[in-house]
C-alpha atoms as a PDB file:
ATOM      1  CA  UNK A   1     229.055-105.101 133.307  1.00  0.00           C
ATOM      2  CA  UNK A   2     226.833-107.749 134.958  1.00  0.00           C
ATOM      3  CA  UNK A   3     228.284-106.744 138.317  1.00  0.00           C
ATOM      4  CA  UNK A   4     227.534-103.075 137.588  1.00  0.00           C
ATOM      5  CA  UNK A   5     223.907-103.834 136.647  1.00  0.00           C
ATOM      6  CA  UNK A   6     223.185-105.958 139.717  1.00  0.00           C
ATOM      7  CA  UNK A   7     225.140-103.642 141.996  1.00  0.00           C
ATOM      8  CA  UNK A   8     223.149-100.684 140.699  1.00  0.00           C
ATOM      9  CA  UNK A   9     219.703-102.144 141.349  1.00  0.00           C
ATOM     10  CA  UNK A  10     220.820-103.331 144.810  1.00  0.00           C
ATOM     11  CA  UNK A  11     222.187 -99.887 145.655  1.00  0.00           C
ATOM     12  CA  UNK A  12     219.020 -98.128 144.473  1.00  0.00           C
ATOM     13  CA  UNK A  13     216.863-100.559 146.486  1.00  0.00           C
ATOM     14  CA  UNK A  14     219.068-100.165 149.556  1.00  0.00           C
ATOM     15  CA  UNK A  15     218.843 -96.367 149.404  1.00  0.00           C
ATOM     16  CA  UNK A  16     215.052 -96.594 149.089  1.00  0.00           C
ATOM     17  CA  UNK A  17     214.754 -98.917 152.098  1.00  0.00           C
ATOM     18  CA  UNK A  18     217.065 -96.769 154.208  1.00  0.00           C
ATOM     19  CA  UNK A  19     215.023 -93.637 153.410  1.00  0.00           C
ATOM     20  CA  UNK A  20     211.643 -95.364 153.845  1.00  0.00           C
ATOM     21  CA  UNK A  21     212.443 -96.797 157.286  1.00  0.00           C
ATOM     22  CA  UNK A  22     214.998 -94.197 158.449  1.00  0.00           C
ATOM     23  CA  UNK A  23     217.722 -96.826 158.825  1.00  0.00           C
ATOM     24  CA  UNK A  24     221.423 -96.155 159.206  1.00  0.00           C
ATOM     25  CA  UNK A  25     222.603 -99.633 158.177  1.00  0.00           C
ATOM     26  CA  UNK A  26     222.472-101.270 154.770  1.00  0.00           C
ATOM     27  CA  UNK A  27     219.695-103.835 154.462  1.00  0.00           C
ATOM     28  CA  UNK A  28     220.499-105.038 150.924  1.00  0.00           C
ATOM     29  CA  UNK A  29     223.604-107.032 150.014  1.00  0.00           C
ATOM     30  CA  UNK A  30     224.765-108.573 146.751  1.00  0.00           C
ATOM     31  CA  UNK A  31     225.974-112.025 147.703  1.00  0.00           C
ATOM     32  CA  UNK A  32     225.620-115.752 147.409  1.00  0.00           C
ATOM     33  CA  UNK A  33     223.542-117.256 150.178  1.00  0.00           C
ATOM     34  CA  UNK A  34     226.130-119.966 150.754  1.00  0.00           C
ATOM     35  CA  UNK A  35     229.899-120.087 150.621  1.00  0.00           C
ATOM     36  CA  UNK A  36     231.598-122.630 148.364  1.00  0.00           C
ATOM     37  CA  UNK A  37     232.009-125.009 151.313  1.00  0.00           C
ATOM     38  CA  UNK A  38     228.234-124.976 151.932  1.00  0.00           C
ATOM     39  CA  UNK A  39     228.295-122.751 155.012  1.00  0.00           C
ATOM     40  CA  UNK A  40     226.008-119.734 155.221  1.00  0.00           C
ATOM     41  CA  UNK A  41     227.629-116.505 154.080  1.00  0.00           C
ATOM     42  CA  UNK A  42     228.265-114.518 157.272  1.00  0.00           C
ATOM     43  CA  UNK A  43     227.085-111.113 156.067  1.00  0.00           C
ATOM     44  CA  UNK A  44     223.619-112.156 154.761  1.00  0.00           C
ATOM     45  CA  UNK A  45     221.858-112.695 158.091  1.00  0.00           C
ATOM     46  CA  UNK A  46     218.823-110.397 158.488  1.00  0.00           C
ATOM     47  CA  UNK A  47     219.367-108.865 155.045  1.00  0.00           C
ATOM     48  CA  UNK A  48     217.707-108.774 151.661  1.00  0.00           C
ATOM     49  CA  UNK A  49     220.096-110.724 149.486  1.00  0.00           C
ATOM     50  CA  UNK A  50     220.330-109.950 145.771  1.00  0.00           C
ATOM     51  CA  UNK A  51     221.987-112.575 143.603  1.00  0.00           C
ATOM     52  CA  UNK A  52     222.239-113.767 140.014  1.00  0.00           C
ATOM     53  CA  UNK A  53     220.290-116.920 139.160  1.00  0.00           C
ATOM     54  CA  UNK A  54     220.755-117.147 135.386  1.00  0.00           C
ATOM     55  CA  UNK A  55     221.990-115.349 132.282  1.00  0.00           C
ATOM     56  CA  UNK A  56     220.362-115.698 128.880  1.00  0.00           C
ATOM     57  CA  UNK A  57     220.815-114.067 125.500  1.00  0.00           C
ATOM     58  CA  UNK A  58     217.869-111.911 124.473  1.00  0.00           C
ATOM     59  CA  UNK A  59     217.345-112.633 120.776  1.00  0.00           C
ATOM     60  CA  UNK A  60     214.498-110.196 120.171  1.00  0.00           C
ATOM     61  CA  UNK A  61     216.387-106.879 119.833  1.00  0.00           C
ATOM     62  CA  UNK A  62     219.337-108.327 117.890  1.00  0.00           C
ATOM     63  CA  UNK A  63     220.605-106.374 114.902  1.00  0.00           C
ATOM     64  CA  UNK A  64     223.004-107.906 112.365  1.00  0.00           C
ATOM     65  CA  UNK A  65     225.795-105.305 112.259  1.00  0.00           C
ATOM     66  CA  UNK A  66     226.306-101.601 112.743  1.00  0.00           C
ATOM     67  CA  UNK A  67     227.577 -99.589 109.821  1.00  0.00           C
ATOM     68  CA  UNK A  68     228.759 -96.004 110.036  1.00  0.00           C
ATOM     69  CA  UNK A  69     230.644 -93.543 107.870  1.00  0.00           C
ATOM     70  CA  UNK A  70     233.008 -91.815 110.334  1.00  0.00           C
ATOM     71  CA  UNK A  71     234.688 -89.662 107.707  1.00  0.00           C
ATOM     72  CA  UNK A  72     236.794 -90.011 104.631  1.00  0.00           C
ATOM     73  CA  UNK A  73     234.003 -91.940 102.926  1.00  0.00           C
ATOM     74  CA  UNK A  74     234.931 -95.261 104.526  1.00  0.00           C
ATOM     75  CA  UNK A  75     232.268 -97.529 105.954  1.00  0.00           C
ATOM     76  CA  UNK A  76     233.061 -99.077 109.334  1.00  0.00           C
ATOM     77  CA  UNK A  77     231.399-102.378 110.212  1.00  0.00           C
ATOM     78  CA  UNK A  78     231.203-103.358 113.908  1.00  0.00           C
ATOM     79  CA  UNK A  79     229.722-106.362 115.666  1.00  0.00           C
ATOM     80  CA  UNK A  80     226.151-106.082 116.885  1.00  0.00           C
ATOM     81  CA  UNK A  81     225.609-105.399 120.591  1.00  0.00           C
ATOM     82  CA  UNK A  82     224.739-108.372 122.794  1.00  0.00           C
ATOM     83  CA  UNK A  83     221.539-108.042 124.785  1.00  0.00           C
ATOM     84  CA  UNK A  84     221.233-110.165 127.901  1.00  0.00           C
ATOM     85  CA  UNK A  85     218.481-111.057 130.295  1.00  0.00           C
ATOM     86  CA  UNK A  86     219.697-111.488 133.856  1.00  0.00           C
ATOM     87  CA  UNK A  87     217.532-113.425 136.272  1.00  0.00           C
ATOM     88  CA  UNK A  88     218.033-111.797 139.634  1.00  0.00           C
ATOM     89  CA  UNK A  89     216.620-113.057 142.940  1.00  0.00           C
ATOM     90  CA  UNK A  90     215.786-110.807 145.880  1.00  0.00           C
ATOM     91  CA  UNK A  91     215.490-113.029 148.961  1.00  0.00           C
ATOM     92  CA  UNK A  92     214.717-112.129 152.549  1.00  0.00           C
ATOM     93  CA  UNK A  93     217.173-113.961 154.785  1.00  0.00           C
ATOM     94  CA  UNK A  94     215.413-113.217 158.086  1.00  0.00           C
ATOM     95  CA  UNK A  95     214.758-115.894 160.693  1.00  0.00           C
ATOM     96  CA  UNK A  96     212.996-116.282 164.004  1.00  0.00           C
ATOM     97  CA  UNK A  97     211.358-113.147 165.335  1.00  0.00           C
ATOM     98  CA  UNK A  98     212.793-111.169 162.376  1.00  0.00           C
ATOM     99  CA  UNK A  99     210.824-113.208 159.809  1.00  0.00           C
ATOM    100  CA  UNK A 100     208.067-110.584 159.489  1.00  0.00           C
ATOM    101  CA  UNK A 101     210.730-107.892 158.971  1.00  0.00           C
ATOM    102  CA  UNK A 102     211.920-109.910 156.005  1.00  0.00           C
ATOM    103  CA  UNK A 103     208.399-110.024 154.594  1.00  0.00           C
ATOM    104  CA  UNK A 104     208.126-106.265 155.056  1.00  0.00           C
ATOM    105  CA  UNK A 105     211.391-105.672 153.174  1.00  0.00           C
ATOM    106  CA  UNK A 106     210.392-108.081 150.365  1.00  0.00           C
ATOM    107  CA  UNK A 107     207.122-106.135 150.017  1.00  0.00           C
ATOM    108  CA  UNK A 108     209.067-102.878 149.921  1.00  0.00           C
ATOM    109  CA  UNK A 109     211.374-104.283 147.220  1.00  0.00           C
ATOM    110  CA  UNK A 110     208.413-105.369 145.090  1.00  0.00           C
ATOM    111  CA  UNK A 111     206.807-101.961 145.507  1.00  0.00           C
ATOM    112  CA  UNK A 112     210.058-100.168 144.630  1.00  0.00           C
ATOM    113  CA  UNK A 113     210.719-102.197 141.468  1.00  0.00           C
ATOM    114  CA  UNK A 114     207.080-101.842 140.424  1.00  0.00           C
ATOM    115  CA  UNK A 115     207.429 -98.051 140.546  1.00  0.00           C
ATOM    116  CA  UNK A 116     211.009 -98.037 139.223  1.00  0.00           C
ATOM    117  CA  UNK A 117     210.806-100.873 136.682  1.00  0.00           C
ATOM    118  CA  UNK A 118     213.022 -99.046 134.188  1.00  0.00           C
ATOM    119  CA  UNK A 119     216.327 -97.448 135.120  1.00  0.00           C
ATOM    120  CA  UNK A 120     218.370 -95.320 132.761  1.00  0.00           C
ATOM    121  CA  UNK A 121     220.793 -92.390 132.893  1.00  0.00           C
ATOM    122  CA  UNK A 122     217.952 -89.861 133.310  1.00  0.00           C
ATOM    123  CA  UNK A 123     216.144 -91.388 136.292  1.00  0.00           C
ATOM    124  CA  UNK A 124     219.215 -92.966 137.947  1.00  0.00           C
ATOM    125  CA  UNK A 125     222.312 -90.930 137.004  1.00  0.00           C
ATOM    126  CA  UNK A 126     224.602 -93.306 138.922  1.00  0.00           C
ATOM    127  CA  UNK A 127     223.925 -96.055 136.345  1.00  0.00           C
ATOM    128  CA  UNK A 128     227.143 -97.238 134.705  1.00  0.00           C
ATOM    129  CA  UNK A 129     227.627 -95.296 131.439  1.00  0.00           C
ATOM    130  CA  UNK A 130     228.097 -98.567 129.520  1.00  0.00           C
ATOM    131  CA  UNK A 131     224.517 -99.578 130.335  1.00  0.00           C
ATOM    132  CA  UNK A 132     221.796 -97.896 128.310  1.00  0.00           C
ATOM    133  CA  UNK A 133     218.909 -99.034 130.509  1.00  0.00           C
ATOM    134  CA  UNK A 134     217.697-101.793 132.812  1.00  0.00           C
ATOM    135  CA  UNK A 135     214.131-103.057 132.764  1.00  0.00           C
ATOM    136  CA  UNK A 136     212.838-105.285 135.557  1.00  0.00           C
ATOM    137  CA  UNK A 137     209.833-107.595 135.414  1.00  0.00           C
ATOM    138  CA  UNK A 138     208.725-110.166 137.962  1.00  0.00           C
ATOM    139  CA  UNK A 139     209.281-113.657 136.604  1.00  0.00           C
ATOM    140  CA  UNK A 140     206.552-116.071 137.634  1.00  0.00           C
ATOM    141  CA  UNK A 141     207.633-119.581 138.566  1.00  0.00           C
ATOM    142  CA  UNK A 142     205.452-122.575 139.229  1.00  0.00           C
ATOM    143  CA  UNK A 143     205.904-124.482 142.489  1.00  0.00           C
ATOM    144  CA  UNK A 144     207.794-127.306 140.762  1.00  0.00           C
ATOM    145  CA  UNK A 145     210.312-124.932 139.136  1.00  0.00           C
ATOM    146  CA  UNK A 146     210.609-122.898 142.325  1.00  0.00           C
ATOM    147  CA  UNK A 147     211.324-126.062 144.303  1.00  0.00           C
ATOM    148  CA  UNK A 148     214.018-127.071 141.800  1.00  0.00           C
ATOM    149  CA  UNK A 149     215.611-123.632 141.901  1.00  0.00           C
ATOM    150  CA  UNK A 150     215.774-123.494 145.698  1.00  0.00           C
ATOM    151  CA  UNK A 151     217.041-127.080 145.798  1.00  0.00           C
ATOM    152  CA  UNK A 152     219.871-126.025 143.507  1.00  0.00           C
ATOM    153  CA  UNK A 153     220.599-122.867 145.525  1.00  0.00           C
ATOM    154  CA  UNK A 154     220.555-124.123 149.087  1.00  0.00           C
ATOM    155  CA  UNK A 155     217.728-126.534 149.680  1.00  0.00           C
ATOM    156  CA  UNK A 156     215.994-124.109 152.049  1.00  0.00           C
ATOM    157  CA  UNK A 157     213.338-121.782 150.704  1.00  0.00           C
ATOM    158  CA  UNK A 158     213.476-118.106 151.644  1.00  0.00           C
ATOM    159  CA  UNK A 159     210.721-115.578 150.917  1.00  0.00           C
ATOM    160  CA  UNK A 160     211.816-114.181 147.585  1.00  0.00           C
ATOM    161  CA  UNK A 161     210.925-112.669 144.262  1.00  0.00           C
ATOM    162  CA  UNK A 162     212.621-113.405 140.948  1.00  0.00           C
ATOM    163  CA  UNK A 163     213.143-110.607 138.435  1.00  0.00           C
ATOM    164  CA  UNK A 164     214.022-110.789 134.779  1.00  0.00           C
ATOM    165  CA  UNK A 165     216.312-107.824 134.167  1.00  0.00           C
ATOM    166  CA  UNK A 166     216.316-107.006 130.449  1.00  0.00           C
ATOM    167  CA  UNK A 167     218.470-104.876 128.187  1.00  0.00           C
ATOM    168  CA  UNK A 168     221.888-105.378 129.678  1.00  0.00           C
ATOM    169  CA  UNK A 169     224.014-104.556 126.626  1.00  0.00           C
ATOM    170  CA  UNK A 170     227.521-105.591 125.787  1.00  0.00           C
ATOM    171  CA  UNK A 171     228.696-103.465 122.884  1.00  0.00           C
ATOM    172  CA  UNK A 172     232.268-104.299 121.976  1.00  0.00           C
ATOM    173  CA  UNK A 173     232.529-101.389 119.523  1.00  0.00           C
ATOM    174  CA  UNK A 174     235.288-103.309 117.810  1.00  0.00           C
ATOM    175  CA  UNK A 175     235.774-102.670 114.118  1.00  0.00           C
ATOM    176  CA  UNK A 176     235.421-105.853 112.132  1.00  0.00           C
ATOM    177  CA  UNK A 177     236.250-104.294 108.783  1.00  0.00           C
ATOM    178  CA  UNK A 178     236.561-101.024 106.935  1.00  0.00           C
ATOM    179  CA  UNK A 179     235.323-100.672 103.423  1.00  0.00           C
ATOM    180  CA  UNK A 180     236.507 -97.984 101.027  1.00  0.00           C
ATOM    181  CA  UNK A 181     233.887 -96.351  98.849  1.00  0.00           C
ATOM    182  CA  UNK A 182     233.881 -97.456  95.224  1.00  0.00           C
ATOM    183  CA  UNK A 183     235.255 -94.898  92.818  1.00  0.00           C
ATOM    184  CA  UNK A 184     233.996 -94.195  89.306  1.00  0.00           C
ATOM    185  CA  UNK A 185     236.987 -95.993  87.774  1.00  0.00           C
ATOM    186  CA  UNK A 186     236.076 -99.204  89.624  1.00  0.00           C
ATOM    187  CA  UNK A 187     232.730 -99.252  87.816  1.00  0.00           C
ATOM    188  CA  UNK A 188     234.384 -99.252  84.383  1.00  0.00           C
ATOM    189  CA  UNK A 189     234.285-102.671  82.781  1.00  0.00           C
ATOM    190  CA  UNK A 190     237.285-103.676  80.640  1.00  0.00           C
ATOM    191  CA  UNK A 191     237.582-100.994  77.941  1.00  0.00           C
END
């Protein structure tokens, strides 16, 4: 589901950029900046690159368990959904004379996510049905943390913006137990 969430925001951003600038080619890719051997990924040159930086559990909306009575009077207990925050970077990998194009596309991405900070089934019908909604907020980073992050990623800073994408939900819908309703005879104490 993480791939579906990141793929969705990248696709929506790509469509917006293509419409805004009347482009025929995709300008947004979901990719690492570097291959495992340290070489630059070949398909990220002169593109906005969207990639996952971190995953964290969101503890605020947690609920203990879900209980429902599907029929027959039994209570079904399921595990609570897992809410995640995904930290997603949008980086402009444009060099040389294309550097200002990269800045333009970063600005367009910020503008797009400012206007479309919440995505759900109503405003983006292509959103994976397993995802209730995605909410994006810019995550501010101090220079020290930003330097550490880019050192970990590649060592070379690219113009970028970091988003905290909230409300990615994993709901296993697995039944942990079923409880039968108590009958009147079960309430009777040793006659």
